Amino acid sequence: MPRRGVRCRVVAVFRDVVAAVTRASAAIDRGVVRVMERRMAGGAARQRAGIPDDAHARLTVLARQYGDGTLGTPSRFFPAPPEPAVRAQPVAARVEHLTWASGYQPFLDEHRADHHRWIDNGTAHARLYRGEPGAAPRPALVLIHGWGGGAWWLEERAFAVGYWVARGFDVAVFNLPFHGERAPSGVGRGPRSGALFPSPNVVRTNEAFGQAIWDLRGLGLHLRARGATAVGALGMSLGGYTTALWATIDPALDFAVAMVPAVSMSELMWRHGEDSPTRRRAASAGVSPELLAEVFAVHAPTTRPPRPPRERLMIVAGHGDRITPPDQAERLRAHWHDCAIHWFPGGHLAQIGRGEAFRAVRAHLNRAGFGPRSARGPR
């Protein structure tokens, strides 16, 4: 067979393999979505009780309250925090567990009692992984996990923490509100990471995003005080949404990478709840995705322009993603002025090609001026 014919055949086989991987990854994601919907249906009685008949009127009021002077002036909902008093406890060689009092006060006064009753959530947590003692100051990479995550052993592997530490970054793995160490122990039969955020409780969801940005900015201040030459973020899924949000708020954030990101919380909640009694009950009470979008606009990543320049922004997305589908990544990319994007063939959970994606991110950050100047690129 002529050499050209061999090459064409190899390319065709490769494309078939990639297509098969994409289909398999999408099937896994769809299966998880169905499980989520069944769980929602299993708690139907509880959920119906949580959606009042006047839900439309209540959400209309909330949309007005959260939109009052906050969309054009981010500091009204996202005020700048002071540098927190962080306690650092050694965990292992060059690994510290950081804790600090959150100090976040809800935007809506009437939510403060509910917010403060979750004692575990009032303490912020992060794990800091550093390079060799005595090394020159390095940029800090803040890693933000997805919904239901936050276990340190899991995030170390999901984000390949050792890869980033070995390539010139100090790494801080952050626990989102109501996740990981911040998950209230009284929810269900024990700690359930993410059971309370995001949730159909739109006020708690909004305020938890406010708290997340407050705590992340505080962590950034602490990392700079410790000598970090730059502070940036890499987040997956819910963490990708939070990363994209942080990039619209904090002028001190140096770079941002959103991986398998969501950009419309209302759209995803409505789409993934399609077959659930909760959505049917909400629709009958006059709730719509458009109304939810108005309530969630205060933290939507596409409400405000990004603060870092285009060359310091990047998106990583999966062709087979069916939890935060590719259209979400494309919308964020358009909002981020057609920034760099890397596609991998896998899905949201089966991230086939994640290693190559991390190498692409590393190369992008190196080109943007972060990491060792002598680096020859990702290995």
Protein backbone atom coordinates (compact mmCIF):
# COMPACT_ATOMS: atom_id res chain seq x y z
CA MET A 1 0.00 0.00 0.00
CA PRO A 2 1.42 3.47 -0.86
CA ARG A 3 2.74 5.46 2.06
CA ARG A 4 0.04 8.09 1.63
CA GLY A 5 -2.65 5.39 1.82
CA VAL A 6 -1.15 4.05 5.07
CA ARG A 7 -1.19 7.52 6.60
CA CYS A 8 -4.81 8.03 5.61
CA ARG A 9 -5.77 4.68 7.09
CA VAL A 10 -3.98 5.48 10.37
CA VAL A 11 -5.72 8.86 10.55
CA ALA A 12 -9.10 7.21 9.92
CA VAL A 13 -8.50 4.62 12.66
CA PHE A 14 -7.42 7.34 15.07
CA ARG A 15 -10.57 9.33 14.35
CA ASP A 16 -12.70 6.23 14.92
CA VAL A 17 -11.01 5.64 18.27
CA VAL A 18 -11.51 9.25 19.34
CA ALA A 19 -15.16 9.13 18.31
CA ALA A 20 -15.66 5.90 20.28
CA VAL A 21 -14.02 7.42 23.36
CA THR A 22 -16.23 10.49 23.07
CA ARG A 23 -19.39 8.39 22.79
CA ALA A 24 -18.41 6.22 25.76
CA SER A 25 -17.59 9.24 27.91
CA ALA A 26 -20.90 10.87 26.99
CA ALA A 27 -22.75 7.68 27.94
CA ILE A 28 -21.12 7.70 31.39
CA ASP A 29 -22.13 11.32 31.92
CA ARG A 30 -25.71 10.63 30.82
CA GLY A 31 -25.88 7.73 33.26
CA VAL A 32 -24.78 9.97 36.11
CA VAL A 33 -27.38 12.57 35.14
CA ARG A 34 -30.09 9.88 35.26
CA VAL A 35 -28.92 8.85 38.75
CA MET A 36 -29.08 12.48 39.85
CA GLU A 37 -32.61 12.78 38.47
CA ARG A 38 -33.72 9.60 40.26
CA ARG A 39 -32.32 10.90 43.53
CA MET A 40 -34.26 14.10 43.03
CA ALA A 41 -37.40 12.08 42.34
CA GLY A 42 -36.79 9.96 45.46
CA GLY A 43 -37.00 13.06 47.60
CA ALA A 44 -40.06 14.41 45.82
CA ALA A 45 -42.22 14.82 48.92
CA ARG A 46 -39.51 16.83 50.62
CA GLN A 47 -38.86 18.93 47.56
CA ARG A 48 -42.53 19.70 46.90
CA ALA A 49 -42.78 21.03 50.41
CA GLY A 50 -39.82 23.29 49.65
CA ILE A 51 -41.43 24.94 46.60
CA PRO A 52 -44.29 27.18 47.66
CA ASP A 53 -47.19 28.11 45.42
CA ASP A 54 -45.99 31.73 45.37
CA ALA A 55 -42.48 30.76 44.21
CA HIS A 56 -42.74 33.02 41.15
CA ALA A 57 -43.46 36.09 43.27
CA ARG A 58 -40.70 35.23 45.73
CA LEU A 59 -38.11 34.73 42.99
CA THR A 60 -39.14 38.00 41.34
CA VAL A 61 -38.42 39.80 44.62
CA LEU A 62 -35.07 38.00 44.98
CA ALA A 63 -34.08 38.89 41.42
CA ARG A 64 -34.72 42.54 42.23
CA GLN A 65 -32.84 42.36 45.55
CA TYR A 66 -29.78 40.63 44.13
CA GLY A 67 -29.72 42.83 41.04
CA ASP A 68 -30.05 46.12 42.92
CA GLY A 69 -26.75 47.88 42.20
CA THR A 70 -24.72 44.67 42.11
CA LEU A 71 -24.36 43.91 38.41
CA GLY A 72 -22.54 47.09 37.42
CA THR A 73 -20.76 47.46 40.76
CA PRO A 74 -19.38 44.04 41.74
CA SER A 75 -18.06 45.27 45.09
CA ARG A 76 -21.62 45.68 46.35
CA PHE A 77 -22.15 41.90 46.41
CA PHE A 78 -18.46 40.93 46.38
CA PRO A 79 -16.67 43.31 48.75
CA ALA A 80 -12.90 42.94 49.10
CA PRO A 81 -11.97 41.00 52.26
CA PRO A 82 -9.09 41.79 54.60
CA GLU A 83 -6.16 39.42 54.73
CA PRO A 84 -7.29 36.60 57.02
CA ALA A 85 -5.44 35.25 60.04
CA VAL A 86 -4.44 31.86 58.67
CA ARG A 87 -3.39 28.94 60.82
CA ALA A 88 -0.95 26.56 59.10
CA GLN A 89 -0.50 23.02 60.36
CA PRO A 90 2.13 20.67 58.85
CA VAL A 91 0.62 17.58 57.20
CA ALA A 92 3.66 16.12 55.44
CA ALA A 93 6.95 17.30 54.01
CA ARG A 94 6.22 20.62 52.25
CA VAL A 95 2.45 20.21 52.78
CA GLU A 96 0.43 22.41 55.14
CA HIS A 97 -3.24 22.48 56.07
CA LEU A 98 -4.52 26.07 56.14
CA THR A 99 -7.58 27.17 58.11
CA TRP A 100 -9.09 30.58 58.74
CA ALA A 101 -12.36 32.09 59.88
CA SER A 102 -14.41 32.88 56.80
CA GLY A 103 -15.83 36.15 58.08
CA TYR A 104 -18.33 36.31 55.22
CA GLN A 105 -21.59 38.15 55.92
CA PRO A 106 -24.53 37.38 53.63
CA PHE A 107 -25.73 40.09 51.29
CA LEU A 108 -29.34 39.57 52.41
CA ASP A 109 -29.71 40.35 56.09
CA GLU A 110 -32.60 37.93 56.46
CA HIS A 111 -30.33 35.04 55.44
CA ARG A 112 -27.70 35.66 58.11
CA ALA A 113 -29.25 33.44 60.79
CA ASP A 114 -29.45 30.48 58.39
CA HIS A 115 -25.93 31.10 57.09
CA HIS A 116 -24.31 31.20 60.53
CA ARG A 117 -26.07 28.11 61.86
CA TRP A 118 -23.84 25.94 59.67
CA ILE A 119 -20.85 26.04 62.01
CA ASP A 120 -18.53 23.78 59.99
CA ASN A 121 -18.94 26.00 56.93
CA GLY A 122 -17.72 29.04 58.87
CA THR A 123 -14.11 27.84 58.71
CA ALA A 124 -12.30 27.97 55.38
CA HIS A 125 -9.86 25.18 54.49
CA ALA A 126 -7.07 24.72 51.95
CA ARG A 127 -4.08 22.43 51.50
CA LEU A 128 -0.84 24.10 50.45
CA TYR A 129 1.81 22.10 48.58
CA ARG A 130 5.19 23.82 48.22
CA GLY A 131 8.51 23.27 46.49
CA GLU A 132 11.89 22.60 48.04
CA PRO A 133 12.84 24.72 51.09
CA GLY A 134 14.90 27.75 50.19
CA ALA A 135 13.70 27.82 46.59
CA ALA A 136 13.06 31.14 44.88
CA PRO A 137 9.51 32.59 45.22
CA ARG A 138 7.05 30.88 42.87
CA PRO A 139 3.60 31.57 41.43
CA ALA A 140 0.70 30.01 43.34
CA LEU A 141 -1.95 27.93 41.58
CA VAL A 142 -5.28 27.70 43.42
CA LEU A 143 -7.20 24.54 42.50
CA ILE A 144 -11.01 24.56 42.87
CA HIS A 145 -12.86 21.24 42.81
CA GLY A 146 -16.23 20.30 41.40
CA TRP A 147 -19.60 19.58 43.02
CA GLY A 148 -19.39 16.85 45.66
CA GLY A 149 -15.57 17.03 45.78
CA GLY A 150 -13.18 18.40 48.34
CA ALA A 151 -11.53 15.24 49.73
CA TRP A 152 -7.80 15.98 49.75
CA TRP A 153 -6.70 12.55 48.46
CA LEU A 154 -9.18 12.78 45.60
CA GLU A 155 -8.27 16.31 44.52
CA GLU A 156 -4.54 15.54 44.67
CA ARG A 157 -5.14 12.94 41.96
CA ALA A 158 -7.84 14.71 39.98
CA PHE A 159 -5.65 17.79 39.56
CA ALA A 160 -2.27 15.98 39.46
CA VAL A 161 -0.93 18.23 42.22
CA GLY A 162 2.57 16.74 42.03
CA TYR A 163 2.77 17.67 38.34
CA TRP A 164 2.24 21.36 39.09
CA VAL A 165 4.57 21.44 42.10
CA ALA A 166 7.34 19.82 40.04
CA ARG A 167 6.89 22.44 37.33
CA GLY A 168 7.35 25.56 39.34
CA PHE A 169 4.09 26.24 41.16
CA ASP A 170 3.07 26.27 44.78
CA VAL A 171 -0.38 24.67 44.82
CA ALA A 172 -3.31 25.48 47.11
CA VAL A 173 -6.31 23.11 46.98
CA PHE A 174 -9.36 25.02 48.22
CA ASN A 175 -12.56 23.67 49.77
CA LEU A 176 -15.69 25.34 48.40
CA PRO A 177 -18.44 26.26 50.90
CA PHE A 178 -20.41 23.24 52.17
CA HIS A 179 -17.81 20.87 50.66
CA GLY A 180 -15.06 18.72 52.07
CA GLU A 181 -14.09 19.82 55.58
CA ARG A 182 -16.87 22.42 55.41
CA ALA A 183 -19.68 19.91 54.85
CA PRO A 184 -22.06 20.04 57.84
CA SER A 185 -21.95 16.78 59.78
CA GLY A 186 -25.69 16.91 60.46
CA VAL A 187 -26.77 16.62 56.81
CA GLY A 188 -28.23 13.21 56.02
CA ARG A 189 -26.47 10.31 57.73
CA GLY A 190 -23.13 12.06 57.92
CA PRO A 191 -21.02 14.65 56.07
CA ARG A 192 -22.21 14.97 52.49
CA SER A 193 -19.92 17.15 50.47
CA GLY A 194 -21.96 19.61 48.41
CA ALA A 195 -25.39 18.51 49.63
CA LEU A 196 -26.32 22.12 50.43
CA PHE A 197 -24.58 23.98 47.60
CA PRO A 198 -25.64 24.43 44.89
CA SER A 199 -29.22 23.48 45.69
CA PRO A 200 -32.82 24.47 44.96
CA ASN A 201 -32.41 26.94 47.84
CA VAL A 202 -31.49 29.85 45.58
CA VAL A 203 -30.63 32.22 48.44
CA ARG A 204 -28.16 29.78 49.96
CA THR A 205 -26.73 29.14 46.49
CA ASN A 206 -26.21 32.84 45.82
CA GLU A 207 -24.73 33.53 49.23
CA ALA A 208 -22.40 30.51 48.99
CA PHE A 209 -20.94 31.92 45.77
CA GLY A 210 -20.47 35.21 47.59
CA GLN A 211 -18.69 33.34 50.38
CA ALA A 212 -16.55 31.35 47.95
CA ILE A 213 -15.18 34.50 46.30
CA TRP A 214 -14.67 36.18 49.70
CA ASP A 215 -12.65 33.20 50.96
CA LEU A 216 -10.70 32.77 47.71
CA ARG A 217 -9.67 36.41 47.68
CA GLY A 218 -8.58 36.05 51.31
CA LEU A 219 -6.52 33.00 50.37
CA GLY A 220 -4.95 34.98 47.53
CA LEU A 221 -3.94 37.74 49.94
CA HIS A 222 -2.36 35.18 52.25
CA LEU A 223 -0.42 33.49 49.45
CA ARG A 224 0.95 36.83 48.27
CA ALA A 225 1.94 37.73 51.83
CA ARG A 226 3.90 34.46 51.93
CA GLY A 227 5.83 35.49 48.84
CA ALA A 228 3.87 34.14 45.87
CA THR A 229 4.98 35.99 42.73
CA ALA A 230 1.50 35.55 41.20
CA VAL A 231 -1.82 33.96 42.11
CA GLY A 232 -4.05 32.23 39.59
CA ALA A 233 -6.79 29.61 39.53
CA LEU A 234 -7.63 26.31 37.84
CA GLY A 235 -11.11 24.97 38.53
CA MET A 236 -13.15 22.00 37.31
CA SER A 237 -16.91 21.94 36.76
CA LEU A 238 -18.45 23.87 39.67
CA GLY A 239 -14.87 24.95 40.33
CA GLY A 240 -14.65 26.07 36.70
CA TYR A 241 -17.74 28.21 37.20
CA THR A 242 -16.23 29.65 40.39
CA THR A 243 -12.91 30.29 38.65
CA ALA A 244 -14.66 32.13 35.83
CA LEU A 245 -16.62 34.15 38.40
CA TRP A 246 -13.47 35.00 40.38
CA ALA A 247 -11.90 36.24 37.15
CA THR A 248 -14.68 38.84 36.77
CA ILE A 249 -14.34 40.18 40.32
CA ASP A 250 -10.74 40.30 41.51
CA PRO A 251 -8.32 42.70 39.78
CA ALA A 252 -5.44 40.96 41.58
CA LEU A 253 -6.09 37.54 40.00
CA ASP A 254 -3.23 36.96 37.57
CA PHE A 255 -4.61 34.11 35.44
CA ALA A 256 -7.59 31.78 35.24
CA VAL A 257 -8.19 28.36 33.66
CA ALA A 258 -11.75 27.00 33.60
CA MET A 259 -11.99 23.24 33.01
CA VAL A 260 -15.27 21.57 31.94
CA PRO A 261 -16.93 24.77 33.15
CA ALA A 262 -20.54 25.70 33.67
CA VAL A 263 -21.61 29.24 32.83
CA SER A 264 -25.39 29.12 33.37
CA MET A 265 -26.42 27.61 36.68
CA SER A 266 -30.10 28.15 35.91
CA GLU A 267 -29.92 26.42 32.54
CA LEU A 268 -28.12 23.37 33.91
CA MET A 269 -30.43 23.03 36.89
CA TRP A 270 -33.45 23.20 34.58
CA ARG A 271 -31.96 20.87 31.96
CA HIS A 272 -30.78 18.18 34.38
CA GLY A 273 -34.02 18.27 36.35
CA GLU A 274 -36.12 17.70 33.24
CA ASP A 275 -37.79 14.51 34.47
CA SER A 276 -37.93 15.35 38.16
CA PRO A 277 -41.02 16.12 40.28
CA THR A 278 -39.15 19.18 41.55
CA ARG A 279 -39.04 20.76 38.12
CA ARG A 280 -42.69 19.93 37.44
CA ARG A 281 -43.66 21.46 40.78
CA ALA A 282 -41.50 24.52 40.08
CA ALA A 283 -43.00 24.99 36.61
CA SER A 284 -46.53 24.73 37.99
CA ALA A 285 -45.63 27.44 40.50
CA GLY A 286 -44.56 29.78 37.69
CA VAL A 287 -40.80 29.23 37.88
CA SER A 288 -38.90 29.33 34.58
CA PRO A 289 -35.21 29.11 33.61
CA GLU A 290 -35.37 32.78 32.59
CA LEU A 291 -36.53 33.81 36.07
CA LEU A 292 -33.85 31.65 37.70
CA ALA A 293 -31.26 33.29 35.43
CA GLU A 294 -32.30 36.70 36.76
CA VAL A 295 -31.85 35.52 40.36
CA PHE A 296 -28.46 33.94 39.57
CA ALA A 297 -27.19 36.83 37.42
CA VAL A 298 -25.35 38.28 40.42
CA HIS A 299 -22.76 35.48 40.20
CA ALA A 300 -23.05 34.35 36.56
CA PRO A 301 -19.54 34.38 34.97
CA THR A 302 -20.87 36.07 31.84
CA THR A 303 -22.49 38.99 33.67
CA ARG A 304 -19.25 41.00 33.86
CA PRO A 305 -16.08 41.16 31.74
CA PRO A 306 -12.99 39.21 32.85
CA ARG A 307 -10.27 41.12 34.68
CA PRO A 308 -7.15 39.24 33.47
CA PRO A 309 -6.17 39.91 29.86
CA ARG A 310 -7.15 37.41 27.17
CA GLU A 311 -3.70 35.81 26.99
CA ARG A 312 -3.93 34.86 30.68
CA LEU A 313 -7.24 33.05 30.28
CA MET A 314 -7.83 29.50 29.06
CA ILE A 315 -10.63 26.94 28.85
CA VAL A 316 -10.40 23.15 28.83
CA ALA A 317 -13.46 21.21 27.68
CA GLY A 318 -14.53 17.69 26.71
CA HIS A 319 -16.27 16.83 23.46
CA GLY A 320 -18.19 14.07 25.28
CA ASP A 321 -19.25 16.17 28.27
CA ARG A 322 -22.97 15.82 28.96
CA ILE A 323 -23.02 17.36 32.46
CA THR A 324 -21.60 20.75 31.48
CA PRO A 325 -21.99 20.32 27.71
CA PRO A 326 -19.59 21.87 25.18
CA ASP A 327 -21.93 24.79 24.50
CA GLN A 328 -21.20 26.05 28.03
CA ALA A 329 -17.46 26.19 27.29
CA GLU A 330 -18.08 27.87 23.94
CA ARG A 331 -20.19 30.58 25.57
CA LEU A 332 -17.48 31.27 28.12
CA ARG A 333 -14.85 31.38 25.40
CA ALA A 334 -16.86 33.99 23.47
CA HIS A 335 -17.22 36.02 26.67
CA TRP A 336 -13.49 35.70 27.28
CA HIS A 337 -12.70 37.31 23.90
CA ASP A 338 -12.03 34.01 22.08
CA CYS A 339 -9.30 32.98 24.50
CA ALA A 340 -7.28 29.79 24.15
CA ILE A 341 -9.26 26.56 24.44
CA HIS A 342 -8.12 22.94 24.58
CA TRP A 343 -10.54 20.13 23.71
CA PHE A 344 -10.10 16.55 24.88
CA PRO A 345 -12.16 13.59 23.63
CA GLY A 346 -13.46 12.48 27.05
CA GLY A 347 -16.42 13.58 29.09
CA HIS A 348 -17.08 15.31 32.37
CA LEU A 349 -16.19 12.32 34.55
CA ALA A 350 -14.21 10.06 32.21
CA GLN A 351 -11.71 12.76 31.28
CA ILE A 352 -9.85 10.81 28.61
CA GLY A 353 -7.00 13.07 27.55
CA ARG A 354 -6.72 14.96 30.84
CA GLY A 355 -2.93 14.53 30.96
CA GLU A 356 -2.52 16.15 27.57
CA ALA A 357 -4.92 18.89 28.66
CA PHE A 358 -2.78 19.69 31.71
CA ARG A 359 0.31 19.84 29.51
CA ALA A 360 -1.50 22.29 27.23
CA VAL A 361 -2.43 24.43 30.23
CA ARG A 362 1.16 24.34 31.47
CA ALA A 363 2.49 25.44 28.08
CA HIS A 364 -0.10 28.24 27.92
CA LEU A 365 0.82 29.54 31.39
CA ASN A 366 4.50 29.38 30.54
CA ARG A 367 3.91 31.46 27.43
CA ALA A 368 1.97 33.94 29.58
CA GLY A 369 5.03 34.36 31.81
CA PHE A 370 4.21 32.09 34.76
CA GLY A 371 6.47 29.34 36.00
CA PRO A 372 10.27 29.01 35.72
CA ARG A 373 11.67 31.16 32.98
CA SER A 374 14.10 28.36 32.07
CA ALA A 375 11.33 25.82 31.46
CA ARG A 376 11.48 24.21 28.04
CA GLY A 377 7.78 23.42 28.04
CA PRO A 378 5.68 20.67 29.55
CA ARG A 379 7.08 17.16 29.87
